[in-house]
Protein backbone atom coordinates (compact mmCIF):
# COMPACT_ATOMS: atom_id res chain seq x y z
CA MET A 1 11.88 21.08 -18.58
CA PRO A 2 9.88 18.05 -19.79
CA THR A 3 6.47 17.28 -18.31
CA LEU A 4 5.86 13.94 -16.59
CA GLU A 5 4.19 12.63 -19.75
CA GLU A 6 7.11 13.79 -21.89
CA LYS A 7 9.57 12.22 -19.44
CA LEU A 8 7.80 8.87 -19.71
CA ALA A 9 7.45 9.17 -23.48
CA ALA A 10 11.24 9.45 -23.71
CA GLN A 11 11.80 6.42 -21.45
CA ILE A 12 9.18 3.99 -22.71
CA PRO A 13 10.66 3.09 -26.13
CA GLY A 14 13.90 2.00 -24.45
CA LEU A 15 11.98 -0.02 -21.87
CA ARG A 16 9.96 -1.75 -24.55
CA GLU A 17 13.10 -2.58 -26.53
CA GLU A 18 14.83 -3.92 -23.42
CA ILE A 19 11.92 -6.27 -22.69
CA LYS A 20 11.66 -7.32 -26.34
CA SER A 21 15.36 -8.17 -26.36
CA LEU A 22 15.11 -10.14 -23.11
CA LEU A 23 12.22 -12.18 -24.47
CA LYS A 24 13.95 -12.83 -27.78
CA GLU A 25 17.27 -13.91 -26.26
CA HIS A 26 16.17 -15.50 -22.98
CA GLY A 27 12.44 -16.14 -23.30
CA ASN A 28 12.82 -19.89 -22.68
CA LYS A 29 15.00 -19.56 -19.60
CA VAL A 30 13.31 -20.97 -16.47
CA ILE A 31 13.25 -18.56 -13.50
CA SER A 32 11.01 -20.49 -11.11
CA GLU A 33 9.38 -23.81 -10.38
CA VAL A 34 6.13 -24.63 -8.63
CA THR A 35 5.77 -27.25 -5.93
CA VAL A 36 2.53 -28.94 -4.98
CA ALA A 37 2.66 -27.06 -1.67
CA GLN A 38 2.90 -23.74 -3.52
CA ALA A 39 0.03 -24.62 -5.84
CA TYR A 40 -2.18 -25.23 -2.82
CA GLY A 41 -0.56 -22.50 -0.73
CA GLY A 42 -1.50 -19.36 -2.61
CA MET A 43 1.50 -19.51 -5.00
CA ARG A 44 3.71 -18.05 -2.27
CA GLY A 45 7.26 -17.59 -3.49
CA VAL A 46 6.53 -18.45 -7.13
CA LYS A 47 8.38 -15.99 -9.38
CA ALA A 48 5.70 -15.27 -11.96
CA LEU A 49 5.30 -11.48 -12.02
CA VAL A 50 7.50 -8.58 -13.08
CA CYS A 51 7.46 -5.40 -10.99
CA ASP A 52 10.00 -2.66 -11.65
CA THR A 53 8.55 -0.07 -9.27
CA SER A 54 9.72 -1.79 -6.08
CA ALA A 55 11.38 -4.88 -4.66
CA VAL A 56 11.59 -6.43 -1.20
CA PRO A 57 14.90 -8.30 -0.72
CA PRO A 58 14.56 -10.42 2.45
CA GLU A 59 17.72 -8.99 4.00
CA LYS A 60 17.09 -5.35 3.12
CA GLY A 61 13.40 -4.55 3.04
CA LEU A 62 11.51 -2.29 0.67
CA LEU A 63 13.43 -0.68 -2.18
CA ILE A 64 11.51 1.80 -4.32
CA ARG A 65 13.18 1.92 -7.72
CA GLY A 66 16.33 0.65 -6.06
CA ILE A 67 16.30 3.28 -3.29
CA PRO A 68 15.93 2.00 0.31
CA VAL A 69 12.66 3.32 1.69
CA ALA A 70 14.56 4.66 4.72
CA GLU A 71 16.15 7.21 2.38
CA LEU A 72 12.74 8.46 1.27
CA VAL A 73 11.18 9.25 4.65
CA ASP A 74 11.59 13.01 4.19
CA ARG A 75 10.13 13.01 0.68
CA LEU A 76 6.61 14.02 -0.31
CA PRO A 77 4.23 11.34 -1.55
CA GLU A 78 4.12 13.19 -4.87
CA GLU A 79 7.89 12.83 -5.21
CA VAL A 80 7.62 9.11 -4.57
CA PHE A 81 4.87 8.78 -7.19
CA TYR A 82 7.15 10.47 -9.73
CA LEU A 83 9.94 8.09 -8.67
CA LEU A 84 7.68 5.06 -9.04
CA LEU A 85 6.80 6.07 -12.58
CA THR A 86 10.14 7.25 -13.91
CA GLY A 87 12.82 5.69 -11.72
CA GLU A 88 14.06 9.16 -10.81
CA LEU A 89 13.20 11.67 -8.11
CA PRO A 90 11.88 14.91 -9.57
CA ASP A 91 13.98 18.05 -9.53
CA GLU A 92 12.49 21.24 -8.13
CA GLU A 93 10.81 22.29 -11.37
CA ALA A 94 9.42 18.84 -12.15
CA LEU A 95 7.98 18.58 -8.64
CA LYS A 96 6.42 22.02 -8.93
CA ASP A 97 4.74 21.02 -12.19
CA LEU A 98 3.48 17.72 -10.76
CA LEU A 99 2.09 19.39 -7.63
CA ALA A 100 0.29 21.97 -9.77
CA ASP A 101 -1.15 19.28 -12.06
CA LEU A 102 -2.43 17.18 -9.18
CA LYS A 103 -3.99 20.17 -7.43
CA LYS A 104 -5.96 21.00 -10.58
CA ARG A 105 -7.45 17.50 -10.49
CA ARG A 106 -8.66 17.53 -6.88
CA LYS A 107 -12.32 18.32 -7.61
CA VAL A 108 -14.45 15.30 -6.73
CA PRO A 109 -17.66 15.10 -8.80
CA ASP A 110 -20.81 15.89 -6.81
CA TYR A 111 -22.44 12.60 -7.79
CA VAL A 112 -19.81 10.74 -5.75
CA TRP A 113 -20.97 12.40 -2.53
CA LYS A 114 -24.62 11.69 -3.44
CA VAL A 115 -23.82 7.99 -3.84
CA LEU A 116 -21.96 7.89 -0.54
CA ASN A 117 -24.77 9.71 1.24
CA ALA A 118 -27.23 7.14 -0.11
CA MET A 119 -25.30 4.21 1.37
CA PRO A 120 -26.33 2.70 4.72
CA LYS A 121 -24.99 4.84 7.56
CA ASP A 122 -23.14 1.87 9.04
CA SER A 123 -21.39 0.90 5.79
CA HIS A 124 -17.77 -0.10 6.24
CA PRO A 125 -15.40 2.77 5.31
CA MET A 126 -13.56 0.51 2.87
CA CYS A 127 -16.79 -0.38 1.09
CA MET A 128 -17.52 3.34 0.83
CA LEU A 129 -14.07 4.10 -0.61
CA ASP A 130 -14.18 1.28 -3.17
CA THR A 131 -17.70 2.27 -4.18
CA ALA A 132 -16.68 5.92 -4.62
CA ILE A 133 -13.75 4.97 -6.85
CA LEU A 134 -15.94 2.71 -8.97
CA THR A 135 -18.61 5.42 -9.16
CA MET A 136 -16.05 7.74 -10.76
CA GLU A 137 -15.44 5.26 -13.60
CA LYS A 138 -17.37 7.49 -15.99
CA GLU A 139 -14.45 9.93 -15.70
CA SER A 140 -12.00 7.43 -17.22
CA VAL A 141 -9.99 8.98 -20.04
CA PHE A 142 -8.60 5.55 -20.93
CA ARG A 143 -12.01 4.03 -21.59
CA LYS A 144 -13.12 7.00 -23.70
CA LYS A 145 -9.92 6.93 -25.78
CA TYR A 146 -10.11 3.15 -26.15
CA ASP A 147 -13.74 3.28 -27.30
CA LYS A 148 -12.82 5.84 -29.99
CA GLY A 149 -9.80 3.81 -31.09
CA ILE A 150 -6.25 4.41 -29.95
CA PRO A 151 -2.99 2.65 -30.93
CA ARG A 152 -1.91 0.01 -28.43
CA GLU A 153 1.46 1.69 -27.97
CA ASP A 154 -0.34 4.82 -26.72
CA TYR A 155 -2.50 3.10 -24.08
CA TRP A 156 -0.24 4.40 -21.34
CA ILE A 157 -1.03 8.06 -22.07
CA PRO A 158 -4.73 8.01 -21.06
CA ALA A 159 -3.81 5.52 -18.32
CA LEU A 160 -1.47 8.18 -16.92
CA GLU A 161 -4.31 10.71 -17.10
CA ASP A 162 -6.52 8.38 -15.07
CA ALA A 163 -3.73 7.70 -12.58
CA LEU A 164 -3.10 11.39 -11.93
CA SER A 165 -6.81 12.09 -11.44
CA VAL A 166 -7.27 9.09 -9.15
CA ILE A 167 -4.41 9.86 -6.81
CA ALA A 168 -5.45 13.52 -6.68
CA ARG A 169 -9.02 12.64 -5.66
CA VAL A 170 -8.65 9.56 -3.47
CA PRO A 171 -7.39 11.49 -0.39
CA ILE A 172 -10.32 13.91 -0.68
CA VAL A 173 -12.84 11.08 -0.95
CA ALA A 174 -11.16 9.20 1.90
CA ALA A 175 -11.20 12.24 4.18
CA GLY A 176 -14.85 12.91 3.34
CA ILE A 177 -15.70 9.32 4.21
CA TYR A 178 -13.99 9.66 7.58
CA ARG A 179 -16.02 12.71 8.53
CA MET A 180 -19.25 11.30 7.11
CA ARG A 181 -19.01 7.78 8.50
CA PHE A 182 -17.89 8.72 12.00
CA GLY A 183 -20.01 11.81 12.57
CA LYS A 184 -17.18 14.33 12.47
CA GLY A 185 -19.22 17.09 10.88
CA LYS A 186 -19.19 18.64 7.43
CA ARG A 187 -16.53 17.81 4.88
CA ILE A 188 -13.46 20.04 5.00
CA PRO A 189 -12.50 21.44 1.59
CA SER A 190 -9.15 20.66 0.03
CA ASN A 191 -6.56 23.40 0.50
CA PRO A 192 -4.77 24.10 -2.81
CA LYS A 193 -1.78 25.52 -0.94
CA LEU A 194 -0.97 22.17 0.67
CA ASP A 195 0.77 19.04 -0.59
CA MET A 196 -1.10 15.73 -0.63
CA GLY A 197 -0.12 14.53 2.84
CA ALA A 198 -0.72 17.83 4.60
CA ASP A 199 -3.99 18.37 2.73
CA TYR A 200 -5.23 14.90 3.65
CA ALA A 201 -4.39 15.58 7.30
CA GLN A 202 -6.28 18.88 7.42
CA MET A 203 -9.32 17.41 5.61
CA LEU A 204 -9.56 14.67 8.24
CA GLY A 205 -10.04 17.43 10.79
CA LEU A 206 -7.98 16.06 13.68
CA LYS A 207 -6.34 18.65 15.90
CA ASP A 208 -2.82 19.31 14.70
CA PRO A 209 -1.51 22.56 16.22
CA LYS A 210 2.15 21.72 15.59
CA GLY A 211 1.75 20.10 12.18
CA GLU A 212 2.94 16.73 13.49
CA PHE A 213 -0.03 14.78 12.17
CA ALA A 214 0.57 16.26 8.70
CA LYS A 215 4.14 14.97 8.90
CA LEU A 216 2.84 11.56 9.92
CA MET A 217 0.45 11.47 6.96
CA ARG A 218 3.25 12.30 4.54
CA LEU A 219 5.38 9.55 6.08
CA TYR A 220 2.51 7.05 6.09
CA LEU A 221 1.70 7.66 2.43
CA VAL A 222 5.34 7.18 1.46
CA LEU A 223 5.97 4.05 3.51
CA HIS A 224 2.86 2.16 2.33
CA SER A 225 2.96 3.34 -1.28
CA ASP A 226 4.33 0.19 -2.92
CA HIS A 227 5.45 -3.32 -1.96
CA GLU A 228 6.14 -5.34 -5.10
CA SER A 229 3.19 -6.60 -7.17
CA GLY A 230 2.49 -10.00 -5.66
CA ASN A 231 0.45 -8.83 -2.66
CA VAL A 232 -3.33 -9.16 -2.94
CA SER A 233 -4.17 -5.51 -3.66
CA ALA A 234 -1.41 -5.01 -6.23
CA ALA A 235 -1.89 -8.40 -7.92
CA THR A 236 -5.65 -7.90 -8.13
CA THR A 237 -5.29 -4.39 -9.57
CA TYR A 238 -2.83 -5.76 -12.11
CA THR A 239 -5.01 -8.74 -13.05
CA VAL A 240 -8.16 -6.68 -13.58
CA GLY A 241 -6.17 -4.03 -15.45
CA SER A 242 -4.64 -6.70 -17.67
CA ALA A 243 -8.07 -7.19 -19.24
CA LEU A 244 -7.82 -3.50 -20.26
CA SER A 245 -10.39 -2.59 -17.65
CA ASP A 246 -9.66 1.03 -16.82
CA LEU A 247 -7.96 2.12 -13.62
CA TYR A 248 -11.20 2.89 -11.78
CA TYR A 249 -12.35 -0.71 -12.19
CA ALA A 250 -8.91 -2.13 -11.44
CA LEU A 251 -8.14 -0.01 -8.38
CA SER A 252 -11.57 -0.56 -6.83
CA ALA A 253 -11.07 -4.30 -7.25
CA GLY A 254 -7.57 -4.20 -5.79
CA LEU A 255 -8.63 -2.25 -2.74
CA ASN A 256 -11.44 -4.73 -2.15
CA GLY A 257 -8.62 -7.19 -1.55
CA LEU A 258 -6.92 -4.79 0.82
CA ALA A 259 -10.08 -4.85 2.93
CA GLY A 260 -9.47 -8.50 3.79
CA PRO A 261 -8.28 -9.28 7.34
CA LEU A 262 -5.28 -11.22 6.02
CA HIS A 263 -4.00 -8.26 3.99
CA GLY A 264 -4.89 -4.80 5.28
CA LEU A 265 -6.10 -5.12 8.86
CA ALA A 266 -2.84 -6.01 10.55
CA ASN A 267 -2.06 -2.61 12.06
CA GLN A 268 -5.36 -2.43 13.92
CA GLU A 269 -4.85 -5.95 15.25
CA CYS A 270 -1.39 -4.94 16.47
CA LEU A 271 -2.79 -1.84 18.13
CA LYS A 272 -5.53 -3.86 19.84
CA PHE A 273 -2.83 -6.14 21.27
CA VAL A 274 -0.95 -3.11 22.64
CA LEU A 275 -4.11 -1.60 24.14
CA ASP A 276 -4.98 -4.92 25.76
CA LEU A 277 -1.48 -5.07 27.25
CA LYS A 278 -1.91 -1.60 28.73
CA LYS A 279 -5.27 -2.58 30.19
CA HIS A 280 -3.90 -5.85 31.55
CA PHE A 281 -0.97 -4.22 33.34
CA LYS A 282 -2.81 -0.96 34.08
CA GLY A 283 -0.05 0.92 32.32
CA VAL A 284 3.34 0.18 30.75
CA PRO A 285 4.61 -3.25 31.88
CA THR A 286 8.12 -3.79 33.18
CA ASP A 287 10.59 -5.70 31.03
CA GLU A 288 10.15 -8.82 33.15
CA GLN A 289 6.36 -8.58 33.08
CA LEU A 290 6.35 -8.30 29.32
CA ARG A 291 8.89 -11.10 28.89
CA GLN A 292 6.80 -13.50 30.99
CA PHE A 293 3.57 -12.41 29.34
CA SER A 294 5.11 -13.05 25.91
CA TRP A 295 6.17 -16.55 26.88
CA ASP A 296 2.74 -17.34 28.32
CA TRP A 297 1.06 -15.92 25.22
CA LEU A 298 3.20 -17.98 22.85
CA ASN A 299 2.92 -21.14 24.93
CA SER A 300 -0.87 -20.87 24.70
CA GLY A 301 -0.54 -21.28 20.92
CA LYS A 302 -1.08 -17.63 20.01
CA VAL A 303 1.11 -15.35 17.91
CA ILE A 304 2.30 -11.85 18.72
CA PRO A 305 0.74 -9.52 16.14
CA GLY A 306 3.14 -7.55 14.00
CA TYR A 307 6.11 -9.85 14.48
CA GLY A 308 7.25 -11.97 11.57
CA HIS A 309 6.96 -11.31 7.84
CA ALA A 310 6.33 -13.56 4.85
CA VAL A 311 9.36 -12.17 2.99
CA LEU A 312 11.62 -10.17 5.30
CA ARG A 313 14.28 -11.62 7.55
CA VAL A 314 15.23 -8.30 9.16
CA THR A 315 13.35 -5.56 10.97
CA ASP A 316 11.05 -3.93 8.44
CA PRO A 317 12.69 -0.56 7.65
CA ARG A 318 9.21 0.95 7.55
CA PHE A 319 8.77 -0.04 11.20
CA ASP A 320 12.08 1.67 11.97
CA ALA A 321 10.79 4.83 10.27
CA PHE A 322 7.61 4.86 12.33
CA LEU A 323 9.57 4.05 15.49
CA ASN A 324 11.91 6.98 14.86
CA PHE A 325 8.93 9.26 14.26
CA GLY A 326 7.37 8.15 17.53
CA LYS A 327 10.57 8.70 19.47
CA GLN A 328 10.74 12.24 18.13
CA TYR A 329 7.12 13.28 18.56
CA CYS A 330 5.30 11.08 21.09
CA SER A 331 7.87 9.40 23.31
CA ASN A 332 5.79 10.17 26.43
CA ASP A 333 2.71 8.36 25.17
CA PRO A 334 2.31 5.08 27.13
CA ILE A 335 0.84 3.34 24.04
CA PHE A 336 3.95 4.16 22.05
CA GLN A 337 6.16 3.24 25.01
CA ILE A 338 4.64 -0.24 24.99
CA VAL A 339 5.37 -0.51 21.25
CA GLU A 340 8.99 0.36 22.00
CA LYS A 341 9.18 -2.13 24.84
CA ILE A 342 7.70 -4.92 22.73
CA PHE A 343 10.41 -4.26 20.16
CA ASP A 344 13.07 -4.55 22.87
CA ILE A 345 11.69 -7.77 24.39
CA VAL A 346 9.68 -9.85 21.94
CA PRO A 347 12.31 -10.62 19.24
CA LYS A 348 14.58 -12.10 21.93
CA VAL A 349 11.74 -14.26 23.21
CA LEU A 350 10.88 -15.43 19.70
CA MET A 351 14.52 -16.32 19.04
CA GLU A 352 14.67 -18.29 22.27
CA GLN A 353 11.48 -20.10 21.33
CA GLY A 354 13.01 -20.94 17.96
CA LYS A 355 9.81 -21.37 15.95
CA ALA A 356 9.61 -18.05 14.11
CA LYS A 357 11.50 -17.78 10.81
CA ASP A 358 11.52 -14.02 11.27
CA PRO A 359 11.34 -12.66 14.86
CA TRP A 360 11.46 -9.02 13.78
CA PRO A 361 8.59 -6.52 13.56
CA ASN A 362 6.88 -5.57 10.33
CA VAL A 363 5.47 -2.15 9.50
CA ASP A 364 2.12 -2.82 11.19
CA ALA A 365 3.65 -3.31 14.63
CA GLY A 366 4.02 0.42 15.16
CA SER A 367 1.87 2.45 12.77
CA GLY A 368 -1.42 2.06 14.62
CA SER A 369 -0.05 3.48 17.86
CA LEU A 370 0.89 6.70 16.07
CA LEU A 371 -2.55 7.10 14.49
CA TYR A 372 -4.11 6.48 17.91
CA HIS A 373 -1.86 9.09 19.51
CA TYR A 374 -3.10 11.81 17.18
CA GLY A 375 -6.74 11.01 17.84
CA MET A 376 -7.68 8.61 15.06
CA LYS A 377 -9.25 5.87 17.15
CA GLU A 378 -11.70 4.49 14.60
CA PHE A 379 -10.02 1.18 13.76
CA ASP A 380 -12.24 0.46 10.76
CA TYR A 381 -10.77 3.48 9.02
CA TYR A 382 -7.14 2.38 9.21
CA THR A 383 -7.37 0.30 6.06
CA VAL A 384 -8.67 3.34 4.16
CA LEU A 385 -5.43 5.12 5.07
CA PHE A 386 -3.53 2.13 3.73
CA SER A 387 -5.58 2.33 0.53
CA VAL A 388 -4.83 6.01 -0.06
CA SER A 389 -1.14 5.22 0.15
CA ARG A 390 -1.20 1.98 -1.86
CA SER A 391 -3.04 3.78 -4.67
CA LEU A 392 0.24 5.53 -5.49
CA GLY A 393 2.04 2.27 -6.18
CA VAL A 394 -0.64 0.33 -8.03
CA CYS A 395 -1.55 3.32 -10.20
CA ALA A 396 2.10 3.66 -11.21
CA GLN A 397 2.27 -0.08 -11.89
CA THR A 398 -0.82 0.17 -14.12
CA VAL A 399 0.68 2.96 -16.23
CA ILE A 400 3.87 0.96 -16.72
CA ALA A 401 1.91 -2.19 -17.58
CA ARG A 402 0.11 -0.24 -20.31
CA ALA A 403 3.42 1.21 -21.52
CA ILE A 404 5.12 -2.16 -21.99
CA GLY A 405 2.01 -3.83 -23.40
CA SER A 406 1.51 -6.39 -20.64
CA PRO A 407 -0.86 -9.14 -21.79
CA ILE A 408 -3.94 -10.40 -20.01
CA VAL A 409 -3.15 -12.50 -16.94
CA ARG A 410 -4.20 -16.09 -17.57
CA PRO A 411 -2.37 -18.73 -15.51
CA LYS A 412 -3.20 -22.39 -16.08
CA SER A 413 -5.10 -24.22 -13.36
CA VAL A 414 -5.11 -27.98 -12.78
CA THR A 415 -7.36 -30.29 -10.79
CA THR A 416 -6.50 -32.20 -7.63
CA SER A 417 -6.90 -35.39 -9.68
CA TRP A 418 -4.28 -34.12 -12.14
CA ILE A 419 -1.86 -33.38 -9.29
CA LYS A 420 -2.42 -36.81 -7.71
CA LYS A 421 -1.71 -38.48 -11.03
CA PHE A 422 1.31 -36.28 -11.71
CA VAL A 423 3.00 -36.93 -8.34
CA THR A 424 2.45 -40.70 -8.52
CA THR A 425 3.57 -41.17 -12.13
CA PRO A 426 7.21 -42.33 -12.37
CA ALA A 427 9.52 -39.76 -13.99
């Protein structure tokens, strides 16, 4: 049975040849155009990146290597990482080997904890996570191999080493930060008998007598693992990595982007909206109460958090997965009941209003309520959870970028004067 490295080594020559052939035969074919609005609007919708790990068709939602994410909800995060890298789910033996490899890499260097302990006690958890990852840069196999001299076609091998070590350690660091930052007591050691999701759950230290929170962590890590490469965290990781900065530099940079309120804070904003609703109505509102509240809210010029998506035009299948989990494990929780009721009422209101391009919920509309149910009420930590999951996708993307020899990212910028002249010059 081939190892993960051997599996990739067999695939990569064919991938390189496929790309080489595409460039040779179709390199001049135009696949996108840029409008002035897009140039000023964050390049939204401009097709200028290649990402083979996942895609988000507007009418389907997230596909990981062509597989709808709804079909992966019972998979381990480690299985999804293997899928992201190879395009195939691991068989039993391959999964066993990967789990064993990752468990061997779980030891976090002591100096990382010393750095975190030296930070201000009120540091943001995301700043602590990004700092810890950057602190571990001295562990980079890629940088050491590059400094000694390594053929360009072999860059992906040490990049894979870094990726495996990073995703093995990030949950341990993240759990330690949770306990340290929020006064939860001493760090809980990693349990080598557990998979990534279950181990992360037990290291956080929340009560989980039935193992439900462990199941939620597995699901959370799978659902947030990848989402194309144009989002801020993925695009930033890719851009920094394109300079041949090693994965520790690139990932820390990418997760800094995830800390921004426009990228990674949506689930806590959605949860705050739900909690405010509960407080306002002193419990779960009736359908009519929620319908009228929604209209009043929208008519005041506000938006309903978690509803609408920049790409999707259907209910985010990741929301469906969280909703199904909630129905199975916490259907009696009034916070979750409000999430359910919002899903029943709000899309109809938005369609009647007619302003929203997409009236359906995205993943953030429901995930926060589940974390809250199991006792994680520290909102500032929610983005760290997101980061642990997203590390799977961007690390896989980095390995593939090294394998295919992706060049440095260097788009051309123009001035406002240039645009004014361009749009006023007759064709």
